[in-house]
Amino acid sequence: MSDQDALWNQVYAAFKAHEVFQNPPLDMSRMFTKAYGDPSKCDIHEEVLSPDELRQLKRYGEFDDNPHRDVEPIIVWADKGERVVIDGRRRVTKWMNEGLDKPRRALIIKPRG
């Protein structure tokens, strides 16, 4: 298995965790493809984001700091100069409310080209 495949497996595992909260369960991998495009046309890498970098991430619904789980990495979509949390927004909000005392792992996905 390549490093890229291992990172994508982490992304799909993170999305799979959301299926527990849906009735009927949603295919989050399919939803990713619909929202962001074919993963085979995206690059993925891991970064450790500083507290300042975490503060700069765009989070929709950033008022909510009650995550269903408190694990790393978070998943970030990077495109057109913007970085948006697509998995982990509640965790980031919680970490920010607690004082962001340490860097956190993030998987960064961006379209090629």
PDB file of N, CA and C in Angstrom:
ATOM      1  N   MET A   1       0.850  -1.174   0.000  1.00  0.00           N
ATOM      2  CA  MET A   1       0.000   0.000   0.000  1.00  0.00           C
ATOM      3  C   MET A   1       0.902   1.245   0.000  1.00  0.00           C
ATOM      4  N   SER A   2       0.569   2.202  -0.852  1.00  0.00           N
ATOM      5  CA  SER A   2       1.353   3.432  -0.935  1.00  0.00           C
ATOM      6  C   SER A   2       1.009   4.366   0.225  1.00  0.00           C
ATOM      7  N   ASP A   3       1.867   5.358   0.441  1.00  0.00           N
ATOM      8  CA  ASP A   3       1.590   6.368   1.469  1.00  0.00           C
ATOM      9  C   ASP A   3       0.287   7.096   1.175  1.00  0.00           C
ATOM     10  N   GLN A   4       0.046   7.392  -0.121  1.00  0.00           N
ATOM     11  CA  GLN A   4      -1.197   8.066  -0.521  1.00  0.00           C
ATOM     12  C   GLN A   4      -2.409   7.210  -0.162  1.00  0.00           C
ATOM     13  N   ASP A   5      -2.328   5.914  -0.460  1.00  0.00           N
ATOM     14  CA  ASP A   5      -3.441   5.017  -0.132  1.00  0.00           C
ATOM     15  C   ASP A   5      -3.696   4.987   1.370  1.00  0.00           C
ATOM     16  N   ALA A   6      -2.639   4.967   2.159  1.00  0.00           N
ATOM     17  CA  ALA A   6      -2.789   4.946   3.614  1.00  0.00           C
ATOM     18  C   ALA A   6      -3.481   6.213   4.104  1.00  0.00           C
ATOM     19  N   LEU A   7      -3.126   7.364   3.522  1.00  0.00           N
ATOM     20  CA  LEU A   7      -3.777   8.618   3.916  1.00  0.00           C
ATOM     21  C   LEU A   7      -5.245   8.616   3.510  1.00  0.00           C
ATOM     22  N   TRP A   8      -5.540   8.157   2.284  1.00  0.00           N
ATOM     23  CA  TRP A   8      -6.942   8.092   1.852  1.00  0.00           C
ATOM     24  C   TRP A   8      -7.737   7.146   2.749  1.00  0.00           C
ATOM     25  N   ASN A   9      -7.126   6.053   3.178  1.00  0.00           N
ATOM     26  CA  ASN A   9      -7.823   5.142   4.091  1.00  0.00           C
ATOM     27  C   ASN A   9      -8.194   5.843   5.388  1.00  0.00           C
ATOM     28  N   GLN A  10      -7.336   6.734   5.881  1.00  0.00           N
ATOM     29  CA  GLN A  10      -7.662   7.508   7.087  1.00  0.00           C
ATOM     30  C   GLN A  10      -8.835   8.452   6.834  1.00  0.00           C
ATOM     31  N   VAL A  11      -8.863   9.053   5.641  1.00  0.00           N
ATOM     32  CA  VAL A  11      -9.976   9.939   5.283  1.00  0.00           C
ATOM     33  C   VAL A  11     -11.280   9.153   5.273  1.00  0.00           C
ATOM     34  N   TYR A  12     -11.284   8.014   4.596  1.00  0.00           N
ATOM     35  CA  TYR A  12     -12.514   7.229   4.501  1.00  0.00           C
ATOM     36  C   TYR A  12     -12.933   6.672   5.857  1.00  0.00           C
ATOM     37  N   ALA A  13     -11.981   6.347   6.717  1.00  0.00           N
ATOM     38  CA  ALA A  13     -12.321   5.894   8.071  1.00  0.00           C
ATOM     39  C   ALA A  13     -12.976   7.034   8.858  1.00  0.00           C
ATOM     40  N   ALA A  14     -12.466   8.251   8.686  1.00  0.00           N
ATOM     41  CA  ALA A  14     -13.074   9.405   9.354  1.00  0.00           C
ATOM     42  C   ALA A  14     -14.496   9.619   8.866  1.00  0.00           C
ATOM     43  N   PHE A  15     -14.707   9.517   7.562  1.00  0.00           N
ATOM     44  CA  PHE A  15     -16.053   9.693   7.013  1.00  0.00           C
ATOM     45  C   PHE A  15     -16.975   8.553   7.461  1.00  0.00           C
ATOM     46  N   LYS A  16     -16.438   7.353   7.547  1.00  0.00           N
ATOM     47  CA  LYS A  16     -17.236   6.194   7.954  1.00  0.00           C
ATOM     48  C   LYS A  16     -17.810   6.415   9.361  1.00  0.00           C
ATOM     49  N   ALA A  17     -17.042   7.080  10.216  1.00  0.00           N
ATOM     50  CA  ALA A  17     -17.516   7.343  11.574  1.00  0.00           C
ATOM     51  C   ALA A  17     -18.806   8.160  11.578  1.00  0.00           C
ATOM     52  N   HIS A  18     -19.023   8.984  10.560  1.00  0.00           N
ATOM     53  CA  HIS A  18     -20.238   9.799  10.482  1.00  0.00           C
ATOM     54  C   HIS A  18     -21.467   8.961  10.158  1.00  0.00           C
ATOM     55  N   GLU A  19     -21.272   7.830   9.520  1.00  0.00           N
ATOM     56  CA  GLU A  19     -22.412   7.003   9.118  1.00  0.00           C
ATOM     57  C   GLU A  19     -23.209   6.519  10.320  1.00  0.00           C
ATOM     58  N   VAL A  20     -22.565   6.386  11.469  1.00  0.00           N
ATOM     59  CA  VAL A  20     -23.229   5.937  12.681  1.00  0.00           C
ATOM     60  C   VAL A  20     -24.349   6.897  13.077  1.00  0.00           C
ATOM     61  N   PHE A  21     -24.165   8.177  12.769  1.00  0.00           N
ATOM     62  CA  PHE A  21     -25.111   9.200  13.200  1.00  0.00           C
ATOM     63  C   PHE A  21     -26.209   9.466  12.172  1.00  0.00           C
ATOM     64  N   GLN A  22     -26.185   8.769  11.057  1.00  0.00           N
ATOM     65  CA  GLN A  22     -27.168   8.984   9.997  1.00  0.00           C
ATOM     66  C   GLN A  22     -28.134   7.810   9.942  1.00  0.00           C
ATOM     67  N   ASN A  23     -29.393   8.103   9.696  1.00  0.00           N
ATOM     68  CA  ASN A  23     -30.375   7.044   9.540  1.00  0.00           C
ATOM     69  C   ASN A  23     -31.280   7.399   8.374  1.00  0.00           C
ATOM     70  N   PRO A  24     -31.204   6.733   7.259  1.00  0.00           N
ATOM     71  CA  PRO A  24     -30.299   5.612   6.983  1.00  0.00           C
ATOM     72  C   PRO A  24     -28.867   6.096   6.795  1.00  0.00           C
ATOM     73  N   PRO A  25     -27.888   5.184   6.933  1.00  0.00           N
ATOM     74  CA  PRO A  25     -26.487   5.569   6.795  1.00  0.00           C
ATOM     75  C   PRO A  25     -26.191   6.167   5.423  1.00  0.00           C
ATOM     76  N   LEU A  26     -25.365   7.206   5.414  1.00  0.00           N
ATOM     77  CA  LEU A  26     -24.935   7.822   4.171  1.00  0.00           C
ATOM     78  C   LEU A  26     -23.597   7.230   3.753  1.00  0.00           C
ATOM     79  N   ASP A  27     -23.362   7.168   2.465  1.00  0.00           N
ATOM     80  CA  ASP A  27     -22.065   6.737   1.957  1.00  0.00           C
ATOM     81  C   ASP A  27     -21.202   7.993   1.862  1.00  0.00           C
ATOM     82  N   MET A  28     -20.427   8.258   2.909  1.00  0.00           N
ATOM     83  CA  MET A  28     -19.650   9.489   2.974  1.00  0.00           C
ATOM     84  C   MET A  28     -18.576   9.551   1.894  1.00  0.00           C
ATOM     85  N   SER A  29     -18.026   8.417   1.514  1.00  0.00           N
ATOM     86  CA  SER A  29     -17.026   8.407   0.440  1.00  0.00           C
ATOM     87  C   SER A  29     -17.656   8.898  -0.861  1.00  0.00           C
ATOM     88  N   ARG A  30     -18.863   8.454  -1.113  1.00  0.00           N
ATOM     89  CA  ARG A  30     -19.587   8.881  -2.311  1.00  0.00           C
ATOM     90  C   ARG A  30     -19.937  10.371  -2.227  1.00  0.00           C
ATOM     91  N   MET A  31     -20.296  10.812  -1.036  1.00  0.00           N
ATOM     92  CA  MET A  31     -20.612  12.223  -0.849  1.00  0.00           C
ATOM     93  C   MET A  31     -19.375  13.088  -1.077  1.00  0.00           C
ATOM     94  N   PHE A  32     -18.202  12.616  -0.637  1.00  0.00           N
ATOM     95  CA  PHE A  32     -16.964  13.356  -0.886  1.00  0.00           C
ATOM     96  C   PHE A  32     -16.767  13.538  -2.385  1.00  0.00           C
ATOM     97  N   THR A  33     -16.927  12.452  -3.134  1.00  0.00           N
ATOM     98  CA  THR A  33     -16.743  12.506  -4.581  1.00  0.00           C
ATOM     99  C   THR A  33     -17.716  13.492  -5.207  1.00  0.00           C
ATOM    100  N   LYS A  34     -18.954  13.483  -4.753  1.00  0.00           N
ATOM    101  CA  LYS A  34     -19.959  14.392  -5.296  1.00  0.00           C
ATOM    102  C   LYS A  34     -19.625  15.849  -4.964  1.00  0.00           C
ATOM    103  N   ALA A  35     -19.169  16.106  -3.742  1.00  0.00           N
ATOM    104  CA  ALA A  35     -18.904  17.476  -3.309  1.00  0.00           C
ATOM    105  C   ALA A  35     -17.565  18.010  -3.800  1.00  0.00           C
ATOM    106  N   TYR A  36     -16.543  17.164  -3.817  1.00  0.00           N
ATOM    107  CA  TYR A  36     -15.194  17.656  -4.078  1.00  0.00           C
ATOM    108  C   TYR A  36     -14.554  17.084  -5.339  1.00  0.00           C
ATOM    109  N   GLY A  37     -15.146  16.059  -5.898  1.00  0.00           N
ATOM    110  CA  GLY A  37     -14.584  15.489  -7.110  1.00  0.00           C
ATOM    111  C   GLY A  37     -13.919  14.147  -6.857  1.00  0.00           C
ATOM    112  N   ASP A  38     -13.411  13.610  -7.918  1.00  0.00           N
ATOM    113  CA  ASP A  38     -12.781  12.291  -7.907  1.00  0.00           C
ATOM    114  C   ASP A  38     -11.488  12.333  -7.098  1.00  0.00           C
ATOM    115  N   PRO A  39     -11.388  11.529  -6.036  1.00  0.00           N
ATOM    116  CA  PRO A  39     -10.160  11.522  -5.244  1.00  0.00           C
ATOM    117  C   PRO A  39      -8.899  11.222  -6.058  1.00  0.00           C
ATOM    118  N   SER A  40      -9.045  10.487  -7.147  1.00  0.00           N
ATOM    119  CA  SER A  40      -7.867  10.184  -7.969  1.00  0.00           C
ATOM    120  C   SER A  40      -7.323  11.436  -8.662  1.00  0.00           C
ATOM    121  N   LYS A  41      -8.093  12.527  -8.632  1.00  0.00           N
ATOM    122  CA  LYS A  41      -7.654  13.798  -9.221  1.00  0.00           C
ATOM    123  C   LYS A  41      -7.261  14.804  -8.147  1.00  0.00           C
ATOM    124  N   CYS A  42      -7.049  14.298  -6.940  1.00  0.00           N
ATOM    125  CA  CYS A  42      -6.650  15.139  -5.813  1.00  0.00           C
ATOM    126  C   CYS A  42      -5.328  14.639  -5.239  1.00  0.00           C
ATOM    127  N   ASP A  43      -4.588  15.551  -4.655  1.00  0.00           N
ATOM    128  CA  ASP A  43      -3.397  15.192  -3.901  1.00  0.00           C
ATOM    129  C   ASP A  43      -3.741  15.240  -2.423  1.00  0.00           C
ATOM    130  N   ILE A  44      -3.059  14.418  -1.642  1.00  0.00           N
ATOM    131  CA  ILE A  44      -3.273  14.392  -0.199  1.00  0.00           C
ATOM    132  C   ILE A  44      -1.914  14.290   0.484  1.00  0.00           C
ATOM    133  N   HIS A  45      -1.784  15.015   1.577  1.00  0.00           N
ATOM    134  CA  HIS A  45      -0.571  14.906   2.384  1.00  0.00           C
ATOM    135  C   HIS A  45      -0.926  15.235   3.830  1.00  0.00           C
ATOM    136  N   GLU A  46      -0.025  14.890   4.717  1.00  0.00           N
ATOM    137  CA  GLU A  46      -0.240  15.162   6.135  1.00  0.00           C
ATOM    138  C   GLU A  46       0.610  16.349   6.558  1.00  0.00           C
ATOM    139  N   GLU A  47       0.038  17.190   7.400  1.00  0.00           N
ATOM    140  CA  GLU A  47       0.755  18.312   7.999  1.00  0.00           C
ATOM    141  C   GLU A  47       0.459  18.328   9.491  1.00  0.00           C
ATOM    142  N   VAL A  48       1.361  18.902  10.230  1.00  0.00           N
ATOM    143  CA  VAL A  48       1.103  19.197  11.637  1.00  0.00           C
ATOM    144  C   VAL A  48       0.887  20.705  11.697  1.00  0.00           C
ATOM    145  N   LEU A  49      -0.340  21.092  12.040  1.00  0.00           N
ATOM    146  CA  LEU A  49      -0.715  22.498  12.037  1.00  0.00           C
ATOM    147  C   LEU A  49      -0.498  23.122  13.406  1.00  0.00           C
ATOM    148  N   SER A  50       0.132  24.279  13.398  1.00  0.00           N
ATOM    149  CA  SER A  50       0.351  25.021  14.636  1.00  0.00           C
ATOM    150  C   SER A  50      -0.984  25.582  15.123  1.00  0.00           C
ATOM    151  N   PRO A  51      -1.039  26.007  16.390  1.00  0.00           N
ATOM    152  CA  PRO A  51      -2.265  26.656  16.866  1.00  0.00           C
ATOM    153  C   PRO A  51      -2.691  27.833  15.981  1.00  0.00           C
ATOM    154  N   ASP A  52      -1.742  28.636  15.515  1.00  0.00           N
ATOM    155  CA  ASP A  52      -2.093  29.760  14.639  1.00  0.00           C
ATOM    156  C   ASP A  52      -2.681  29.270  13.316  1.00  0.00           C
ATOM    157  N   GLU A  53      -2.119  28.211  12.757  1.00  0.00           N
ATOM    158  CA  GLU A  53      -2.652  27.666  11.502  1.00  0.00           C
ATOM    159  C   GLU A  53      -4.047  27.088  11.717  1.00  0.00           C
ATOM    160  N   LEU A  54      -4.287  26.460  12.859  1.00  0.00           N
ATOM    161  CA  LEU A  54      -5.620  25.934  13.163  1.00  0.00           C
ATOM    162  C   LEU A  54      -6.649  27.063  13.255  1.00  0.00           C
ATOM    163  N   ARG A  55      -6.266  28.180  13.846  1.00  0.00           N
ATOM    164  CA  ARG A  55      -7.177  29.326  13.964  1.00  0.00           C
ATOM    165  C   ARG A  55      -7.585  29.881  12.602  1.00  0.00           C
ATOM    166  N   GLN A  56      -6.716  29.742  11.610  1.00  0.00           N
ATOM    167  CA  GLN A  56      -6.972  30.297  10.285  1.00  0.00           C
ATOM    168  C   GLN A  56      -7.874  29.418   9.417  1.00  0.00           C
ATOM    169  N   LEU A  57      -8.140  28.186   9.838  1.00  0.00           N
ATOM    170  CA  LEU A  57      -8.983  27.294   9.054  1.00  0.00           C
ATOM    171  C   LEU A  57     -10.426  27.779   9.065  1.00  0.00           C
ATOM    172  N   LYS A  58     -11.075  27.677   7.921  1.00  0.00           N
ATOM    173  CA  LYS A  58     -12.501  28.000   7.835  1.00  0.00           C
ATOM    174  C   LYS A  58     -13.282  26.795   8.369  1.00  0.00           C
ATOM    175  N   ARG A  59     -14.239  27.093   9.236  1.00  0.00           N
ATOM    176  CA  ARG A  59     -15.082  26.053   9.813  1.00  0.00           C
ATOM    177  C   ARG A  59     -16.530  26.502   9.711  1.00  0.00           C
ATOM    178  N   TYR A  60     -17.357  25.701   9.105  1.00  0.00           N
ATOM    179  CA  TYR A  60     -18.787  26.007   9.061  1.00  0.00           C
ATOM    180  C   TYR A  60     -19.414  25.497  10.350  1.00  0.00           C
ATOM    181  N   GLY A  61     -20.304  26.269  10.920  1.00  0.00           N
ATOM    182  CA  GLY A  61     -20.920  25.886  12.191  1.00  0.00           C
ATOM    183  C   GLY A  61     -19.917  25.914  13.319  1.00  0.00           C
ATOM    184  N   GLU A  62     -19.054  26.930  13.319  1.00  0.00           N
ATOM    185  CA  GLU A  62     -17.937  26.967  14.259  1.00  0.00           C
ATOM    186  C   GLU A  62     -18.337  27.249  15.703  1.00  0.00           C
ATOM    187  N   PHE A  63     -19.609  27.434  15.955  1.00  0.00           N
ATOM    188  CA  PHE A  63     -20.086  27.651  17.317  1.00  0.00           C
ATOM    189  C   PHE A  63     -20.161  26.348  18.106  1.00  0.00           C
ATOM    190  N   ASP A  64     -20.191  25.226  17.422  1.00  0.00           N
ATOM    191  CA  ASP A  64     -20.399  23.920  18.049  1.00  0.00           C
ATOM    192  C   ASP A  64     -19.055  23.324  18.464  1.00  0.00           C
ATOM    193  N   ASP A  65     -18.890  23.068  19.769  1.00  0.00           N
ATOM    194  CA  ASP A  65     -17.639  22.492  20.252  1.00  0.00           C
ATOM    195  C   ASP A  65     -17.865  21.180  20.993  1.00  0.00           C
ATOM    196  N   ASN A  66     -18.850  20.417  20.544  1.00  0.00           N
ATOM    197  CA  ASN A  66     -19.170  19.138  21.171  1.00  0.00           C
ATOM    198  C   ASN A  66     -18.918  18.010  20.165  1.00  0.00           C
ATOM    199  N   PRO A  67     -17.643  17.619  19.991  1.00  0.00           N
ATOM    200  CA  PRO A  67     -17.346  16.589  18.994  1.00  0.00           C
ATOM    201  C   PRO A  67     -17.858  15.213  19.410  1.00  0.00           C
ATOM    202  N   HIS A  68     -18.160  14.396  18.403  1.00  0.00           N
ATOM    203  CA  HIS A  68     -18.571  13.013  18.653  1.00  0.00           C
ATOM    204  C   HIS A  68     -17.369  12.150  19.013  1.00  0.00           C
ATOM    205  N   ARG A  69     -16.182  12.603  18.608  1.00  0.00           N
ATOM    206  CA  ARG A  69     -14.944  11.911  18.943  1.00  0.00           C
ATOM    207  C   ARG A  69     -13.839  12.961  19.018  1.00  0.00           C
ATOM    208  N   ASP A  70     -12.767  12.632  19.707  1.00  0.00           N
ATOM    209  CA  ASP A  70     -11.692  13.607  19.891  1.00  0.00           C
ATOM    210  C   ASP A  70     -10.363  12.977  19.465  1.00  0.00           C
ATOM    211  N   VAL A  71     -10.259  12.708  18.190  1.00  0.00           N
ATOM    212  CA  VAL A  71      -9.065  12.063  17.645  1.00  0.00           C
ATOM    213  C   VAL A  71      -8.493  12.907  16.514  1.00  0.00           C
ATOM    214  N   GLU A  72      -7.258  12.675  16.215  1.00  0.00           N
ATOM    215  CA  GLU A  72      -6.607  13.286  15.063  1.00  0.00           C
ATOM    216  C   GLU A  72      -6.398  12.181  14.031  1.00  0.00           C
ATOM    217  N   PRO A  73      -6.267  12.560  12.791  1.00  0.00           N
ATOM    218  CA  PRO A  73      -6.170  13.893  12.221  1.00  0.00           C
ATOM    219  C   PRO A  73      -7.541  14.463  11.861  1.00  0.00           C
ATOM    220  N   ILE A  74      -7.558  15.790  11.649  1.00  0.00           N
ATOM    221  CA  ILE A  74      -8.715  16.422  11.032  1.00  0.00           C
ATOM    222  C   ILE A  74      -8.497  16.362   9.521  1.00  0.00           C
ATOM    223  N   ILE A  75      -9.557  16.581   8.751  1.00  0.00           N
ATOM    224  CA  ILE A  75      -9.465  16.549   7.290  1.00  0.00           C
ATOM    225  C   ILE A  75      -9.748  17.961   6.776  1.00  0.00           C
ATOM    226  N   VAL A  76      -8.862  18.460   5.908  1.00  0.00           N
ATOM    227  CA  VAL A  76      -8.949  19.832   5.404  1.00  0.00           C
ATOM    228  C   VAL A  76      -8.941  19.817   3.875  1.00  0.00           C
ATOM    229  N   TRP A  77      -9.856  20.576   3.280  1.00  0.00           N
ATOM    230  CA  TRP A  77      -9.913  20.776   1.834  1.00  0.00           C
ATOM    231  C   TRP A  77      -9.214  22.097   1.536  1.00  0.00           C
ATOM    232  N   ALA A  78      -8.198  22.067   0.677  1.00  0.00           N
ATOM    233  CA  ALA A  78      -7.436  23.274   0.333  1.00  0.00           C
ATOM    234  C   ALA A  78      -7.613  23.559  -1.148  1.00  0.00           C
ATOM    235  N   ASP A  79      -8.204  24.716  -1.455  1.00  0.00           N
ATOM    236  CA  ASP A  79      -8.434  25.087  -2.854  1.00  0.00           C
ATOM    237  C   ASP A  79      -8.603  26.604  -2.939  1.00  0.00           C
ATOM    238  N   LYS A  80      -8.034  27.176  -3.988  1.00  0.00           N
ATOM    239  CA  LYS A  80      -8.186  28.611  -4.265  1.00  0.00           C
ATOM    240  C   LYS A  80      -7.767  29.479  -3.070  1.00  0.00           C
ATOM    241  N   GLY A  81      -6.682  29.084  -2.419  1.00  0.00           N
ATOM    242  CA  GLY A  81      -6.151  29.866  -1.313  1.00  0.00           C
ATOM    243  C   GLY A  81      -6.913  29.750  -0.013  1.00  0.00           C
ATOM    244  N   GLU A  82      -7.874  28.871   0.055  1.00  0.00           N
ATOM    245  CA  GLU A  82      -8.692  28.720   1.255  1.00  0.00           C
ATOM    246  C   GLU A  82      -8.545  27.298   1.795  1.00  0.00           C
ATOM    247  N   ARG A  83      -8.540  27.185   3.103  1.00  0.00           N
ATOM    248  CA  ARG A  83      -8.496  25.876   3.765  1.00  0.00           C
ATOM    249  C   ARG A  83      -9.750  25.722   4.617  1.00  0.00           C
ATOM    250  N   VAL A  84     -10.524  24.670   4.320  1.00  0.00           N
ATOM    251  CA  VAL A  84     -11.806  24.442   4.989  1.00  0.00           C
ATOM    252  C   VAL A  84     -11.771  23.082   5.678  1.00  0.00           C
ATOM    253  N   VAL A  85     -12.166  23.049   6.932  1.00  0.00           N
ATOM    254  CA  VAL A  85     -12.247  21.787   7.664  1.00  0.00           C
ATOM    255  C   VAL A  85     -13.477  21.030   7.162  1.00  0.00           C
ATOM    256  N   ILE A  86     -13.255  19.828   6.620  1.00  0.00           N
ATOM    257  CA  ILE A  86     -14.388  19.025   6.156  1.00  0.00           C
ATOM    258  C   ILE A  86     -14.661  17.852   7.088  1.00  0.00           C
ATOM    259  N   ASP A  87     -13.761  17.587   8.013  1.00  0.00           N
ATOM    260  CA  ASP A  87     -14.006  16.632   9.088  1.00  0.00           C
ATOM    261  C   ASP A  87     -13.177  17.097  10.284  1.00  0.00           C
ATOM    262  N   GLY A  88     -13.855  17.433  11.365  1.00  0.00           N
ATOM    263  CA  GLY A  88     -13.150  17.839  12.574  1.00  0.00           C
ATOM    264  C   GLY A  88     -13.433  19.258  13.023  1.00  0.00           C
ATOM    265  N   ARG A  89     -14.440  19.918  12.441  1.00  0.00           N
ATOM    266  CA  ARG A  89     -14.707  21.316  12.811  1.00  0.00           C
ATOM    267  C   ARG A  89     -15.053  21.449  14.283  1.00  0.00           C
ATOM    268  N   ARG A  90     -15.803  20.501  14.836  1.00  0.00           N
ATOM    269  CA  ARG A  90     -16.147  20.564  16.261  1.00  0.00           C
ATOM    270  C   ARG A  90     -14.907  20.349  17.132  1.00  0.00           C
ATOM    271  N   ARG A  91     -14.021  19.460  16.681  1.00  0.00           N
ATOM    272  CA  ARG A  91     -12.777  19.238  17.434  1.00  0.00           C
ATOM    273  C   ARG A  91     -11.929  20.503  17.431  1.00  0.00           C
ATOM    274  N   VAL A  92     -11.801  21.142  16.274  1.00  0.00           N
ATOM    275  CA  VAL A  92     -11.012  22.377  16.206  1.00  0.00           C
ATOM    276  C   VAL A  92     -11.618  23.437  17.107  1.00  0.00           C
ATOM    277  N   THR A  93     -12.929  23.577  17.076  1.00  0.00           N
ATOM    278  CA  THR A  93     -13.587  24.560  17.935  1.00  0.00           C
ATOM    279  C   THR A  93     -13.335  24.241  19.410  1.00  0.00           C
ATOM    280  N   LYS A  94     -13.442  22.976  19.771  1.00  0.00           N
ATOM    281  CA  LYS A  94     -13.171  22.566  21.160  1.00  0.00           C
ATOM    282  C   LYS A  94     -11.736  22.899  21.535  1.00  0.00           C
ATOM    283  N   TRP A  95     -10.785  22.546  20.671  1.00  0.00           N
ATOM    284  CA  TRP A  95      -9.372  22.828  20.959  1.00  0.00           C
ATOM    285  C   TRP A  95      -9.142  24.331  21.119  1.00  0.00           C
ATOM    286  N   MET A  96      -9.791  25.124  20.266  1.00  0.00           N
ATOM    287  CA  MET A  96      -9.647  26.574  20.363  1.00  0.00           C
ATOM    288  C   MET A  96     -10.223  27.086  21.679  1.00  0.00           C
ATOM    289  N   ASN A  97     -11.387  26.576  22.062  1.00  0.00           N
ATOM    290  CA  ASN A  97     -12.015  26.998  23.313  1.00  0.00           C
ATOM    291  C   ASN A  97     -11.199  26.579  24.535  1.00  0.00           C
ATOM    292  N   GLU A  98     -10.423  25.513  24.384  1.00  0.00           N
ATOM    293  CA  GLU A  98      -9.576  25.033  25.488  1.00  0.00           C
ATOM    294  C   GLU A  98      -8.212  25.713  25.490  1.00  0.00           C
ATOM    295  N   GLY A  99      -7.918  26.521  24.486  1.00  0.00           N
ATOM    296  CA  GLY A  99      -6.667  27.260  24.482  1.00  0.00           C
ATOM    297  C   GLY A  99      -5.641  26.837  23.453  1.00  0.00           C
ATOM    298  N   LEU A 100      -5.955  25.887  22.584  1.00  0.00           N
ATOM    299  CA  LEU A 100      -5.024  25.463  21.526  1.00  0.00           C
ATOM    300  C   LEU A 100      -3.585  25.394  22.023  1.00  0.00           C
ATOM    301  N   ASP A 101      -3.327  24.446  22.858  1.00  0.00           N
ATOM    302  CA  ASP A 101      -2.021  24.367  23.497  1.00  0.00           C
ATOM    303  C   ASP A 101      -0.967  23.584  22.725  1.00  0.00           C
ATOM    304  N   LYS A 102      -1.355  22.927  21.644  1.00  0.00           N
ATOM    305  CA  LYS A 102      -0.361  22.147  20.908  1.00  0.00           C
ATOM    306  C   LYS A 102      -0.746  22.015  19.438  1.00  0.00           C
ATOM    307  N   PRO A 103       0.222  21.701  18.595  1.00  0.00           N
ATOM    308  CA  PRO A 103      -0.065  21.457  17.181  1.00  0.00           C
ATOM    309  C   PRO A 103      -0.917  20.194  17.025  1.00  0.00           C
ATOM    310  N   ARG A 104      -1.629  20.117  15.911  1.00  0.00           N
ATOM    311  CA  ARG A 104      -2.507  18.974  15.649  1.00  0.00           C
ATOM    312  C   ARG A 104      -2.281  18.461  14.229  1.00  0.00           C
ATOM    313  N   ARG A 105      -2.486  17.167  14.063  1.00  0.00           N
ATOM    314  CA  ARG A 105      -2.327  16.531  12.753  1.00  0.00           C
ATOM    315  C   ARG A 105      -3.530  16.833  11.863  1.00  0.00           C
ATOM    316  N   ALA A 106      -3.234  17.054  10.576  1.00  0.00           N
ATOM    317  CA  ALA A 106      -4.290  17.292   9.585  1.00  0.00           C
ATOM    318  C   ALA A 106      -3.915  16.614   8.279  1.00  0.00           C
ATOM    319  N   LEU A 107      -4.903  16.045   7.622  1.00  0.00           N
ATOM    320  CA  LEU A 107      -4.728  15.556   6.261  1.00  0.00           C
ATOM    321  C   LEU A 107      -5.258  16.640   5.339  1.00  0.00           C
ATOM    322  N   ILE A 108      -4.408  17.077   4.437  1.00  0.00           N
ATOM    323  CA  ILE A 108      -4.744  18.173   3.537  1.00  0.00           C
ATOM    324  C   ILE A 108      -5.007  17.586   2.149  1.00  0.00           C
ATOM    325  N   ILE A 109      -6.211  17.857   1.629  1.00  0.00           N
ATOM    326  CA  ILE A 109      -6.617  17.373   0.305  1.00  0.00           C
ATOM    327  C   ILE A 109      -6.756  18.581  -0.599  1.00  0.00           C
ATOM    328  N   LYS A 110      -6.172  18.496  -1.784  1.00  0.00           N
ATOM    329  CA  LYS A 110      -6.339  19.586  -2.741  1.00  0.00           C
ATOM    330  C   LYS A 110      -6.417  19.026  -4.152  1.00  0.00           C
ATOM    331  N   PRO A 111      -7.215  19.683  -4.984  1.00  0.00           N
ATOM    332  CA  PRO A 111      -7.330  19.229  -6.374  1.00  0.00           C
ATOM    333  C   PRO A 111      -6.027  19.461  -7.113  1.00  0.00           C
ATOM    334  N   ARG A 112      -5.725  18.573  -8.046  1.00  0.00           N
ATOM    335  CA  ARG A 112      -4.532  18.766  -8.882  1.00  0.00           C
ATOM    336  C   ARG A 112      -4.812  19.839  -9.918  1.00  0.00           C
ATOM    337  N   GLY A 113      -3.754  20.549 -10.266  1.00  0.00           N
ATOM    338  CA  GLY A 113      -3.868  21.484 -11.380  1.00  0.00           C
ATOM    339  C   GLY A 113      -4.082  22.864 -11.028  1.00  0.00           C
TER     340      GLY A 113
END
